[in-house]
Amino acid sequence: QENKGSISFKGNLINDLLPWEIQDQGILTVHQDLNIISSLNSGQNILLGNPPTKFMGMTNWKAGYPKAREALTRVSNSLHIEQPAENLSAAQSQLVILARALVQKPQVLILDEPTARLGLEETEQLFELLSILKQKKVTIIYISHRLEEIYRVCDRVTVLRDGQKIET
């Protein structure tokens, strides 16, 4: 079975682009896998996708902290940018990764099972954020097996089975 397809965004074909080139187009993905660097703090992990300016070859993390703080506040009331990532729970790490996508101001946000590691309170905060992003005309592709979430947050649903479209 082939894994082929094409993506057209704003009239441009974006196939064969490298991940950072896709991000430059405003398309960001929050994967189910937690890609956190434990030796960094939350703010640094948020800024990884778009690191702040460098001075004499060194990354100036603190220059990016205002952006990181704003993005993190949008996803969590309890996390702080200077929290060591090694001390984060799986749910907190998921929120940091979501903040990493938000700091880049996505036009399209792809969420793969975003609530899999979140508790009820964090899930509610995520849904509030999705509502705000929707009002700001951000396109959200929400991938989930949880039908109650799909019905709550989606305007249009496409069902896939074994990589084949069943119904939209």
C-alpha atoms as a PDB file:
ATOM      1  CA  GLN A   1       0.000   0.000   0.000  1.00  0.00           C
ATOM      2  CA  GLU A   2       1.374   3.405  -0.949  1.00  0.00           C
ATOM      3  CA  ASN A   3       1.538   6.367   1.387  1.00  0.00           C
ATOM      4  CA  LYS A   4       1.133   9.114  -1.140  1.00  0.00           C
ATOM      5  CA  GLY A   5      -0.887  12.242  -1.389  1.00  0.00           C
ATOM      6  CA  SER A   6      -0.591  15.922  -1.930  1.00  0.00           C
ATOM      7  CA  ILE A   7      -1.242  19.012   0.084  1.00  0.00           C
ATOM      8  CA  SER A   8      -2.305  22.307  -1.404  1.00  0.00           C
ATOM      9  CA  PHE A   9      -2.246  25.339   0.880  1.00  0.00           C
ATOM     10  CA  LYS A  10      -3.169  28.818  -0.274  1.00  0.00           C
ATOM     11  CA  GLY A  11      -2.891  27.674  -3.869  1.00  0.00           C
ATOM     12  CA  ASN A  12       0.628  26.278  -3.439  1.00  0.00           C
ATOM     13  CA  LEU A  13       1.579  22.626  -3.574  1.00  0.00           C
ATOM     14  CA  ILE A  14       3.654  21.946  -0.473  1.00  0.00           C
ATOM     15  CA  ASN A  15       4.807  18.393  -1.124  1.00  0.00           C
ATOM     16  CA  ASP A  16       8.467  17.503  -0.705  1.00  0.00           C
ATOM     17  CA  LEU A  17       9.116  20.320   1.728  1.00  0.00           C
ATOM     18  CA  LEU A  18      11.267  19.803   4.782  1.00  0.00           C
ATOM     19  CA  PRO A  19       9.511  20.044   8.170  1.00  0.00           C
ATOM     20  CA  TRP A  20      10.825  23.554   8.906  1.00  0.00           C
ATOM     21  CA  GLU A  21       9.745  24.694   5.435  1.00  0.00           C
ATOM     22  CA  ILE A  22       6.236  23.447   6.198  1.00  0.00           C
ATOM     23  CA  GLN A  23       6.336  25.334   9.512  1.00  0.00           C
ATOM     24  CA  ASP A  24       7.398  28.455   7.636  1.00  0.00           C
ATOM     25  CA  GLN A  25       4.145  28.090   5.651  1.00  0.00           C
ATOM     26  CA  GLY A  26       2.237  28.344   8.957  1.00  0.00           C
ATOM     27  CA  ILE A  27       1.389  24.638   9.260  1.00  0.00           C
ATOM     28  CA  LEU A  28       2.307  23.162  12.640  1.00  0.00           C
ATOM     29  CA  THR A  29       1.789  19.719  14.081  1.00  0.00           C
ATOM     30  CA  VAL A  30       1.532  18.677  17.707  1.00  0.00           C
ATOM     31  CA  HIS A  31       2.434  14.997  17.625  1.00  0.00           C
ATOM     32  CA  GLN A  32       1.261  12.391  20.059  1.00  0.00           C
ATOM     33  CA  ASP A  33       4.873  11.561  20.912  1.00  0.00           C
ATOM     34  CA  LEU A  34       6.417  13.805  23.527  1.00  0.00           C
ATOM     35  CA  ASN A  35       9.466  15.443  21.997  1.00  0.00           C
ATOM     36  CA  ILE A  36      10.740  17.337  25.034  1.00  0.00           C
ATOM     37  CA  ILE A  37      14.392  17.847  25.835  1.00  0.00           C
ATOM     38  CA  SER A  38      14.615  17.137  29.555  1.00  0.00           C
ATOM     39  CA  SER A  39      17.848  19.096  30.083  1.00  0.00           C
ATOM     40  CA  LEU A  40      16.076  22.329  29.072  1.00  0.00           C
ATOM     41  CA  ASN A  41      13.364  24.230  30.896  1.00  0.00           C
ATOM     42  CA  SER A  42       9.799  24.672  29.652  1.00  0.00           C
ATOM     43  CA  GLY A  43      10.504  28.033  28.029  1.00  0.00           C
ATOM     44  CA  GLN A  44      13.487  26.711  26.115  1.00  0.00           C
ATOM     45  CA  ASN A  45      11.464  23.716  24.926  1.00  0.00           C
ATOM     46  CA  ILE A  46       8.733  26.067  23.707  1.00  0.00           C
ATOM     47  CA  LEU A  47      11.264  28.144  21.773  1.00  0.00           C
ATOM     48  CA  LEU A  48      12.957  25.151  20.104  1.00  0.00           C
ATOM     49  CA  GLY A  49      10.870  25.435  16.958  1.00  0.00           C
ATOM     50  CA  ASN A  50      11.747  29.092  16.558  1.00  0.00           C
ATOM     51  CA  PRO A  51      14.757  29.929  18.740  1.00  0.00           C
ATOM     52  CA  PRO A  52      15.391  33.540  19.710  1.00  0.00           C
ATOM     53  CA  THR A  53      18.127  35.575  18.115  1.00  0.00           C
ATOM     54  CA  LYS A  54      21.687  34.583  18.743  1.00  0.00           C
ATOM     55  CA  PHE A  55      24.410  36.808  20.070  1.00  0.00           C
ATOM     56  CA  MET A  56      27.990  35.834  19.329  1.00  0.00           C
ATOM     57  CA  GLY A  57      26.875  32.320  18.379  1.00  0.00           C
ATOM     58  CA  MET A  58      24.907  31.727  21.582  1.00  0.00           C
ATOM     59  CA  THR A  59      21.140  31.371  21.823  1.00  0.00           C
ATOM     60  CA  ASN A  60      19.660  34.120  23.985  1.00  0.00           C
ATOM     61  CA  TRP A  61      16.791  32.152  25.527  1.00  0.00           C
ATOM     62  CA  LYS A  62      15.679  34.977  27.805  1.00  0.00           C
ATOM     63  CA  ALA A  63      15.039  37.207  24.779  1.00  0.00           C
ATOM     64  CA  GLY A  64      12.340  34.728  23.714  1.00  0.00           C
ATOM     65  CA  TYR A  65      10.811  34.214  27.157  1.00  0.00           C
ATOM     66  CA  PRO A  66       8.050  36.843  26.748  1.00  0.00           C
ATOM     67  CA  LYS A  67       6.742  34.961  23.669  1.00  0.00           C
ATOM     68  CA  ALA A  68       7.134  31.614  25.432  1.00  0.00           C
ATOM     69  CA  ARG A  69       5.356  32.899  28.557  1.00  0.00           C
ATOM     70  CA  GLU A  70       2.427  34.205  26.486  1.00  0.00           C
ATOM     71  CA  ALA A  71       2.050  30.890  24.618  1.00  0.00           C
ATOM     72  CA  LEU A  72       2.345  28.825  27.796  1.00  0.00           C
ATOM     73  CA  THR A  73      -0.262  30.956  29.575  1.00  0.00           C
ATOM     74  CA  ARG A  74      -2.686  30.186  26.749  1.00  0.00           C
ATOM     75  CA  VAL A  75      -2.457  26.442  27.437  1.00  0.00           C
ATOM     76  CA  SER A  76      -1.941  26.293  31.203  1.00  0.00           C
ATOM     77  CA  ASN A  77      -2.577  28.383  34.282  1.00  0.00           C
ATOM     78  CA  SER A  78      -0.132  26.385  36.380  1.00  0.00           C
ATOM     79  CA  LEU A  79       3.011  25.959  34.255  1.00  0.00           C
ATOM     80  CA  HIS A  80       5.949  28.367  34.279  1.00  0.00           C
ATOM     81  CA  ILE A  81       8.618  28.832  31.628  1.00  0.00           C
ATOM     82  CA  GLU A  82      11.507  28.224  34.017  1.00  0.00           C
ATOM     83  CA  GLN A  83      10.213  24.840  35.199  1.00  0.00           C
ATOM     84  CA  PRO A  84      12.803  22.158  34.390  1.00  0.00           C
ATOM     85  CA  ALA A  85      11.394  19.887  31.702  1.00  0.00           C
ATOM     86  CA  GLU A  86      12.722  16.823  33.506  1.00  0.00           C
ATOM     87  CA  ASN A  87      10.174  17.518  36.277  1.00  0.00           C
ATOM     88  CA  LEU A  88       7.162  17.780  33.963  1.00  0.00           C
ATOM     89  CA  SER A  89       4.454  15.141  33.920  1.00  0.00           C
ATOM     90  CA  ALA A  90       3.380  13.664  30.588  1.00  0.00           C
ATOM     91  CA  ALA A  91       0.336  15.979  30.555  1.00  0.00           C
ATOM     92  CA  GLN A  92       2.476  19.038  31.299  1.00  0.00           C
ATOM     93  CA  SER A  93       4.925  18.039  28.565  1.00  0.00           C
ATOM     94  CA  GLN A  94       2.024  17.795  26.110  1.00  0.00           C
ATOM     95  CA  LEU A  95       0.978  21.342  27.021  1.00  0.00           C
ATOM     96  CA  VAL A  96       4.538  22.623  26.537  1.00  0.00           C
ATOM     97  CA  ILE A  97       4.593  21.055  23.072  1.00  0.00           C
ATOM     98  CA  LEU A  98       1.261  22.708  22.268  1.00  0.00           C
ATOM     99  CA  ALA A  99       2.691  26.051  23.437  1.00  0.00           C
ATOM    100  CA  ARG A 100       5.667  25.431  21.109  1.00  0.00           C
ATOM    101  CA  ALA A 101       3.254  25.327  18.178  1.00  0.00           C
ATOM    102  CA  LEU A 102       1.319  28.391  19.373  1.00  0.00           C
ATOM    103  CA  VAL A 103       4.419  30.543  19.754  1.00  0.00           C
ATOM    104  CA  GLN A 104       4.854  30.232  15.988  1.00  0.00           C
ATOM    105  CA  LYS A 105       1.351  31.633  15.312  1.00  0.00           C
ATOM    106  CA  PRO A 106       0.026  28.766  13.164  1.00  0.00           C
ATOM    107  CA  GLN A 107      -2.464  29.200  10.361  1.00  0.00           C
ATOM    108  CA  VAL A 108      -3.087  25.445  10.362  1.00  0.00           C
ATOM    109  CA  LEU A 109      -2.687  23.438  13.557  1.00  0.00           C
ATOM    110  CA  ILE A 110      -2.682  19.646  13.336  1.00  0.00           C
ATOM    111  CA  LEU A 111      -3.352  17.940  16.671  1.00  0.00           C
ATOM    112  CA  ASP A 112      -2.738  14.197  16.942  1.00  0.00           C
ATOM    113  CA  GLU A 113      -4.640  12.747  19.926  1.00  0.00           C
ATOM    114  CA  PRO A 114      -4.088  15.965  21.916  1.00  0.00           C
ATOM    115  CA  THR A 115      -6.011  14.864  25.015  1.00  0.00           C
ATOM    116  CA  ALA A 116      -4.487  11.384  25.322  1.00  0.00           C
ATOM    117  CA  ARG A 117      -2.310  12.501  28.242  1.00  0.00           C
ATOM    118  CA  LEU A 118      -4.472  15.316  29.599  1.00  0.00           C
ATOM    119  CA  GLY A 119      -6.752  15.316  32.612  1.00  0.00           C
ATOM    120  CA  LEU A 120     -10.250  16.782  32.642  1.00  0.00           C
ATOM    121  CA  GLU A 121      -9.191  20.326  33.640  1.00  0.00           C
ATOM    122  CA  GLU A 122      -6.398  20.444  31.048  1.00  0.00           C
ATOM    123  CA  THR A 123      -8.747  19.080  28.370  1.00  0.00           C
ATOM    124  CA  GLU A 124     -11.282  21.819  29.146  1.00  0.00           C
ATOM    125  CA  GLN A 125      -8.572  24.456  28.861  1.00  0.00           C
ATOM    126  CA  LEU A 126      -7.501  22.954  25.522  1.00  0.00           C
ATOM    127  CA  PHE A 127     -11.072  23.118  24.210  1.00  0.00           C
ATOM    128  CA  GLU A 128     -11.340  26.776  25.269  1.00  0.00           C
ATOM    129  CA  LEU A 129      -8.084  27.493  23.422  1.00  0.00           C
ATOM    130  CA  LEU A 130      -9.354  25.699  20.299  1.00  0.00           C
ATOM    131  CA  SER A 131     -12.473  27.863  20.377  1.00  0.00           C
ATOM    132  CA  ILE A 132     -10.334  31.021  20.521  1.00  0.00           C
ATOM    133  CA  LEU A 133      -8.101  29.795  17.694  1.00  0.00           C
ATOM    134  CA  LYS A 134     -11.169  28.979  15.622  1.00  0.00           C
ATOM    135  CA  GLN A 135     -12.448  32.536  16.106  1.00  0.00           C
ATOM    136  CA  LYS A 136      -9.057  33.761  14.889  1.00  0.00           C
ATOM    137  CA  LYS A 137      -9.555  31.706  11.700  1.00  0.00           C
ATOM    138  CA  VAL A 138      -6.888  29.118  12.520  1.00  0.00           C
ATOM    139  CA  THR A 139      -7.665  25.853  10.767  1.00  0.00           C
ATOM    140  CA  ILE A 140      -7.459  22.945  13.195  1.00  0.00           C
ATOM    141  CA  ILE A 141      -7.118  19.344  12.101  1.00  0.00           C
ATOM    142  CA  TYR A 142      -8.070  17.318  15.155  1.00  0.00           C
ATOM    143  CA  ILE A 143      -7.164  13.624  15.092  1.00  0.00           C
ATOM    144  CA  SER A 144      -8.826  11.516  17.755  1.00  0.00           C
ATOM    145  CA  HIS A 145     -10.523   8.220  18.487  1.00  0.00           C
ATOM    146  CA  ARG A 146     -12.695   9.880  21.128  1.00  0.00           C
ATOM    147  CA  LEU A 147     -15.990  10.592  19.397  1.00  0.00           C
ATOM    148  CA  GLU A 148     -17.327  12.791  22.212  1.00  0.00           C
ATOM    149  CA  GLU A 149     -14.396  15.156  21.614  1.00  0.00           C
ATOM    150  CA  ILE A 150     -14.890  15.112  17.864  1.00  0.00           C
ATOM    151  CA  TYR A 151     -18.549  16.081  18.220  1.00  0.00           C
ATOM    152  CA  ARG A 152     -17.642  18.829  20.654  1.00  0.00           C
ATOM    153  CA  VAL A 153     -14.842  20.581  18.752  1.00  0.00           C
ATOM    154  CA  CYS A 154     -15.240  19.787  15.063  1.00  0.00           C
ATOM    155  CA  ASP A 155     -17.305  21.429  12.356  1.00  0.00           C
ATOM    156  CA  ARG A 156     -16.603  18.716   9.804  1.00  0.00           C
ATOM    157  CA  VAL A 157     -15.562  15.111  10.357  1.00  0.00           C
ATOM    158  CA  THR A 158     -13.783  12.715   8.030  1.00  0.00           C
ATOM    159  CA  VAL A 159     -13.692   9.060   9.055  1.00  0.00           C
ATOM    160  CA  LEU A 160     -10.640   7.065   7.982  1.00  0.00           C
ATOM    161  CA  ARG A 161     -10.167   3.324   8.246  1.00  0.00           C
ATOM    162  CA  ASP A 162      -6.880   1.667   7.320  1.00  0.00           C
ATOM    163  CA  GLY A 163      -5.798   4.890   5.619  1.00  0.00           C
ATOM    164  CA  GLN A 164      -8.890   5.028   3.409  1.00  0.00           C
ATOM    165  CA  LYS A 165     -11.528   7.735   3.537  1.00  0.00           C
ATOM    166  CA  ILE A 166     -14.866   6.260   4.567  1.00  0.00           C
ATOM    167  CA  GLU A 167     -17.055   9.333   4.868  1.00  0.00           C
ATOM    168  CA  THR A 168     -16.949  13.109   5.363  1.00  0.00           C
END
